[in-house]
Amino acid sequence: MAGLTPMSQTGWSARKIALVLYPFGAGAAAVNVFFASLILSWVGGPVLDTGWSLLLGAVIGAPATWFFARHIRHLMNEADQSTSS
């Protein structure tokens, strides 16, 4: 797959980007989990309280943020390559 091993990377690594963006990713995932539980309550599902929403958001937010950070790093690598050629 193209873009997984950058030749000459400048700037932040995908790991650092993910660590910085994780609070936002976990928060967004928590909100989405809560809204999903509200929608599922229409068909008889339970509405999650704040603690469960935050916990599930923290779990779901980790891989989501990692994949997003890798995508951002890939875009940064492409931008660096287009300016250097």
N, C-alpha and C. Protein backbone atom coordinates (compact mmCIF):
# COMPACT_ATOMS: atom_id res chain seq x y z
N MET A 1 0.83 -1.16 0.00
CA MET A 1 0.00 0.00 0.00
C MET A 1 0.88 1.24 0.00
N ALA A 2 0.54 2.19 -0.81
CA ALA A 2 1.35 3.40 -0.91
C ALA A 2 1.16 4.28 0.32
N GLY A 3 2.22 4.93 0.73
CA GLY A 3 2.15 5.89 1.81
C GLY A 3 2.36 5.33 3.21
N LEU A 4 2.56 4.05 3.36
CA LEU A 4 2.74 3.50 4.69
C LEU A 4 4.15 3.68 5.21
N THR A 5 5.13 3.73 4.32
CA THR A 5 6.51 3.93 4.75
C THR A 5 7.06 5.18 4.07
N PRO A 6 7.00 6.33 4.77
CA PRO A 6 7.48 7.57 4.16
C PRO A 6 8.99 7.54 3.97
N MET A 7 9.44 8.08 2.84
CA MET A 7 10.88 8.11 2.55
C MET A 7 11.59 9.13 3.43
N SER A 8 11.16 10.35 3.35
CA SER A 8 11.78 11.39 4.18
C SER A 8 10.65 12.22 4.78
N GLN A 9 10.37 11.95 6.03
CA GLN A 9 9.24 12.58 6.70
C GLN A 9 9.71 13.78 7.49
N THR A 10 9.03 14.90 7.34
CA THR A 10 9.32 16.07 8.14
C THR A 10 8.08 16.38 8.97
N GLY A 11 8.27 16.97 10.11
CA GLY A 11 7.14 17.31 10.96
C GLY A 11 6.81 16.21 11.95
N TRP A 12 5.58 16.27 12.45
CA TRP A 12 5.14 15.33 13.48
C TRP A 12 4.91 13.94 12.93
N SER A 13 5.14 12.95 13.76
CA SER A 13 4.84 11.56 13.39
C SER A 13 3.34 11.32 13.58
N ALA A 14 2.86 10.21 13.01
CA ALA A 14 1.45 9.86 13.17
C ALA A 14 1.12 9.62 14.64
N ARG A 15 2.06 9.07 15.39
CA ARG A 15 1.85 8.82 16.82
C ARG A 15 1.62 10.13 17.59
N LYS A 16 2.43 11.13 17.30
CA LYS A 16 2.30 12.41 18.00
C LYS A 16 1.00 13.11 17.61
N ILE A 17 0.64 13.04 16.34
CA ILE A 17 -0.63 13.62 15.89
C ILE A 17 -1.79 12.93 16.60
N ALA A 18 -1.73 11.60 16.69
CA ALA A 18 -2.80 10.85 17.35
C ALA A 18 -2.91 11.21 18.83
N LEU A 19 -1.78 11.36 19.51
CA LEU A 19 -1.82 11.72 20.93
C LEU A 19 -2.43 13.09 21.16
N VAL A 20 -2.13 14.03 20.27
CA VAL A 20 -2.67 15.38 20.40
C VAL A 20 -4.17 15.40 20.09
N LEU A 21 -4.59 14.63 19.10
CA LEU A 21 -5.99 14.64 18.67
C LEU A 21 -6.88 13.68 19.47
N TYR A 22 -6.30 12.80 20.28
CA TYR A 22 -7.10 11.80 20.99
C TYR A 22 -8.22 12.38 21.85
N PRO A 23 -7.99 13.45 22.62
CA PRO A 23 -9.12 13.98 23.42
C PRO A 23 -10.31 14.38 22.55
N PHE A 24 -10.04 14.93 21.37
CA PHE A 24 -11.12 15.33 20.48
C PHE A 24 -11.81 14.11 19.86
N GLY A 25 -11.02 13.10 19.48
CA GLY A 25 -11.59 11.88 18.92
C GLY A 25 -12.42 11.12 19.93
N ALA A 26 -11.93 11.03 21.16
CA ALA A 26 -12.67 10.32 22.21
C ALA A 26 -13.95 11.08 22.56
N GLY A 27 -13.87 12.39 22.59
CA GLY A 27 -15.07 13.19 22.87
C GLY A 27 -16.11 13.05 21.78
N ALA A 28 -15.67 13.11 20.53
CA ALA A 28 -16.61 12.94 19.41
C ALA A 28 -17.22 11.55 19.42
N ALA A 29 -16.42 10.53 19.72
CA ALA A 29 -16.95 9.17 19.77
C ALA A 29 -17.96 9.03 20.92
N ALA A 30 -17.69 9.66 22.06
CA ALA A 30 -18.61 9.59 23.20
C ALA A 30 -19.96 10.22 22.84
N VAL A 31 -19.93 11.36 22.17
CA VAL A 31 -21.18 12.00 21.75
C VAL A 31 -21.93 11.11 20.78
N ASN A 32 -21.21 10.51 19.84
CA ASN A 32 -21.85 9.63 18.86
C ASN A 32 -22.43 8.38 19.52
N VAL A 33 -21.74 7.83 20.51
CA VAL A 33 -22.26 6.66 21.23
C VAL A 33 -23.54 7.04 21.96
N PHE A 34 -23.54 8.19 22.60
CA PHE A 34 -24.74 8.63 23.33
C PHE A 34 -25.91 8.84 22.38
N PHE A 35 -25.68 9.52 21.26
CA PHE A 35 -26.76 9.75 20.30
C PHE A 35 -27.25 8.43 19.68
N ALA A 36 -26.34 7.50 19.45
CA ALA A 36 -26.74 6.19 18.94
C ALA A 36 -27.64 5.47 19.95
N SER A 37 -27.32 5.61 21.24
CA SER A 37 -28.18 4.98 22.26
C SER A 37 -29.55 5.65 22.31
N LEU A 38 -29.61 6.96 22.05
CA LEU A 38 -30.91 7.63 22.00
C LEU A 38 -31.73 7.11 20.83
N ILE A 39 -31.09 6.93 19.67
CA ILE A 39 -31.81 6.41 18.51
C ILE A 39 -32.27 4.98 18.76
N LEU A 40 -31.41 4.17 19.37
CA LEU A 40 -31.78 2.79 19.66
C LEU A 40 -32.89 2.69 20.72
N SER A 41 -33.06 3.75 21.52
CA SER A 41 -34.13 3.73 22.52
C SER A 41 -35.50 3.75 21.86
N TRP A 42 -35.57 4.19 20.62
CA TRP A 42 -36.85 4.20 19.90
C TRP A 42 -37.35 2.79 19.64
N VAL A 43 -36.45 1.83 19.62
CA VAL A 43 -36.85 0.44 19.38
C VAL A 43 -36.67 -0.40 20.64
N GLY A 44 -36.60 0.24 21.80
CA GLY A 44 -36.56 -0.48 23.06
C GLY A 44 -35.20 -0.63 23.71
N GLY A 45 -34.15 -0.07 23.12
CA GLY A 45 -32.82 -0.17 23.71
C GLY A 45 -32.64 0.79 24.88
N PRO A 46 -31.64 0.55 25.70
CA PRO A 46 -31.41 1.45 26.85
C PRO A 46 -30.69 2.73 26.41
N VAL A 47 -30.97 3.81 27.12
CA VAL A 47 -30.23 5.05 26.92
C VAL A 47 -29.03 5.02 27.85
N LEU A 48 -27.83 5.18 27.29
CA LEU A 48 -26.62 5.11 28.11
C LEU A 48 -26.46 6.38 28.93
N ASP A 49 -25.96 6.22 30.15
CA ASP A 49 -25.68 7.40 30.94
C ASP A 49 -24.32 7.97 30.55
N THR A 50 -23.96 9.07 31.15
CA THR A 50 -22.74 9.79 30.77
C THR A 50 -21.48 8.96 30.95
N GLY A 51 -21.40 8.25 32.06
CA GLY A 51 -20.20 7.45 32.33
C GLY A 51 -19.95 6.38 31.27
N TRP A 52 -21.01 5.65 30.91
CA TRP A 52 -20.85 4.61 29.89
C TRP A 52 -20.53 5.21 28.53
N SER A 53 -21.15 6.34 28.22
CA SER A 53 -20.86 6.99 26.95
C SER A 53 -19.40 7.43 26.87
N LEU A 54 -18.90 7.99 27.96
CA LEU A 54 -17.50 8.42 27.98
C LEU A 54 -16.55 7.23 27.89
N LEU A 55 -16.87 6.16 28.60
CA LEU A 55 -16.02 4.97 28.58
C LEU A 55 -15.98 4.36 27.18
N LEU A 56 -17.13 4.17 26.58
CA LEU A 56 -17.16 3.61 25.22
C LEU A 56 -16.54 4.57 24.22
N GLY A 57 -16.72 5.87 24.42
CA GLY A 57 -16.09 6.86 23.54
C GLY A 57 -14.58 6.81 23.63
N ALA A 58 -14.05 6.59 24.84
CA ALA A 58 -12.59 6.48 25.00
C ALA A 58 -12.06 5.25 24.29
N VAL A 59 -12.82 4.15 24.34
CA VAL A 59 -12.38 2.91 23.69
C VAL A 59 -12.48 3.03 22.18
N ILE A 60 -13.61 3.50 21.69
CA ILE A 60 -13.81 3.63 20.24
C ILE A 60 -12.95 4.75 19.66
N GLY A 61 -12.70 5.79 20.45
CA GLY A 61 -11.94 6.93 19.96
C GLY A 61 -10.47 6.63 19.70
N ALA A 62 -9.90 5.64 20.38
CA ALA A 62 -8.48 5.34 20.20
C ALA A 62 -8.16 4.86 18.78
N PRO A 63 -8.79 3.81 18.27
CA PRO A 63 -8.46 3.40 16.90
C PRO A 63 -8.92 4.42 15.86
N ALA A 64 -10.05 5.07 16.13
CA ALA A 64 -10.54 6.07 15.17
C ALA A 64 -9.54 7.22 15.04
N THR A 65 -9.01 7.67 16.16
CA THR A 65 -8.02 8.76 16.13
C THR A 65 -6.73 8.30 15.47
N TRP A 66 -6.33 7.05 15.71
CA TRP A 66 -5.10 6.53 15.11
C TRP A 66 -5.21 6.52 13.59
N PHE A 67 -6.35 6.01 13.07
CA PHE A 67 -6.53 5.98 11.62
C PHE A 67 -6.60 7.38 11.03
N PHE A 68 -7.25 8.31 11.74
CA PHE A 68 -7.33 9.69 11.27
C PHE A 68 -5.93 10.33 11.27
N ALA A 69 -5.14 10.07 12.29
CA ALA A 69 -3.78 10.63 12.35
C ALA A 69 -2.91 10.09 11.22
N ARG A 70 -3.05 8.80 10.92
CA ARG A 70 -2.30 8.23 9.79
C ARG A 70 -2.72 8.88 8.48
N HIS A 71 -4.01 9.15 8.32
CA HIS A 71 -4.49 9.81 7.11
C HIS A 71 -3.91 11.23 7.00
N ILE A 72 -3.91 11.96 8.11
CA ILE A 72 -3.35 13.31 8.11
C ILE A 72 -1.86 13.26 7.80
N ARG A 73 -1.13 12.30 8.38
CA ARG A 73 0.30 12.16 8.10
C ARG A 73 0.54 11.85 6.62
N HIS A 74 -0.32 11.01 6.04
CA HIS A 74 -0.23 10.68 4.61
C HIS A 74 -0.44 11.94 3.77
N LEU A 75 -1.44 12.74 4.13
CA LEU A 75 -1.68 13.99 3.38
C LEU A 75 -0.50 14.95 3.52
N MET A 76 0.11 14.98 4.71
CA MET A 76 1.28 15.84 4.90
C MET A 76 2.45 15.36 4.03
N ASN A 77 2.63 14.03 3.94
CA ASN A 77 3.70 13.48 3.09
C ASN A 77 3.45 13.81 1.63
N GLU A 78 2.20 13.70 1.18
CA GLU A 78 1.88 14.03 -0.20
C GLU A 78 2.14 15.51 -0.48
N ALA A 79 1.77 16.37 0.47
CA ALA A 79 2.00 17.80 0.29
C ALA A 79 3.49 18.10 0.22
N ASP A 80 4.29 17.42 1.06
CA ASP A 80 5.74 17.62 1.02
C ASP A 80 6.34 17.17 -0.31
N GLN A 81 5.83 16.06 -0.83
CA GLN A 81 6.35 15.55 -2.11
C GLN A 81 5.97 16.47 -3.27
N SER A 82 4.78 17.03 -3.24
CA SER A 82 4.36 17.89 -4.36
C SER A 82 5.10 19.22 -4.35
N THR A 83 5.52 19.71 -3.19
CA THR A 83 6.26 20.96 -3.15
C THR A 83 7.73 20.76 -3.44
N SER A 84 8.25 19.54 -3.24
CA SER A 84 9.68 19.32 -3.48
C SER A 84 9.97 18.94 -4.93
N SER A 85 8.94 18.56 -5.72
CA SER A 85 9.23 18.17 -7.10
C SER A 85 9.10 19.33 -8.06
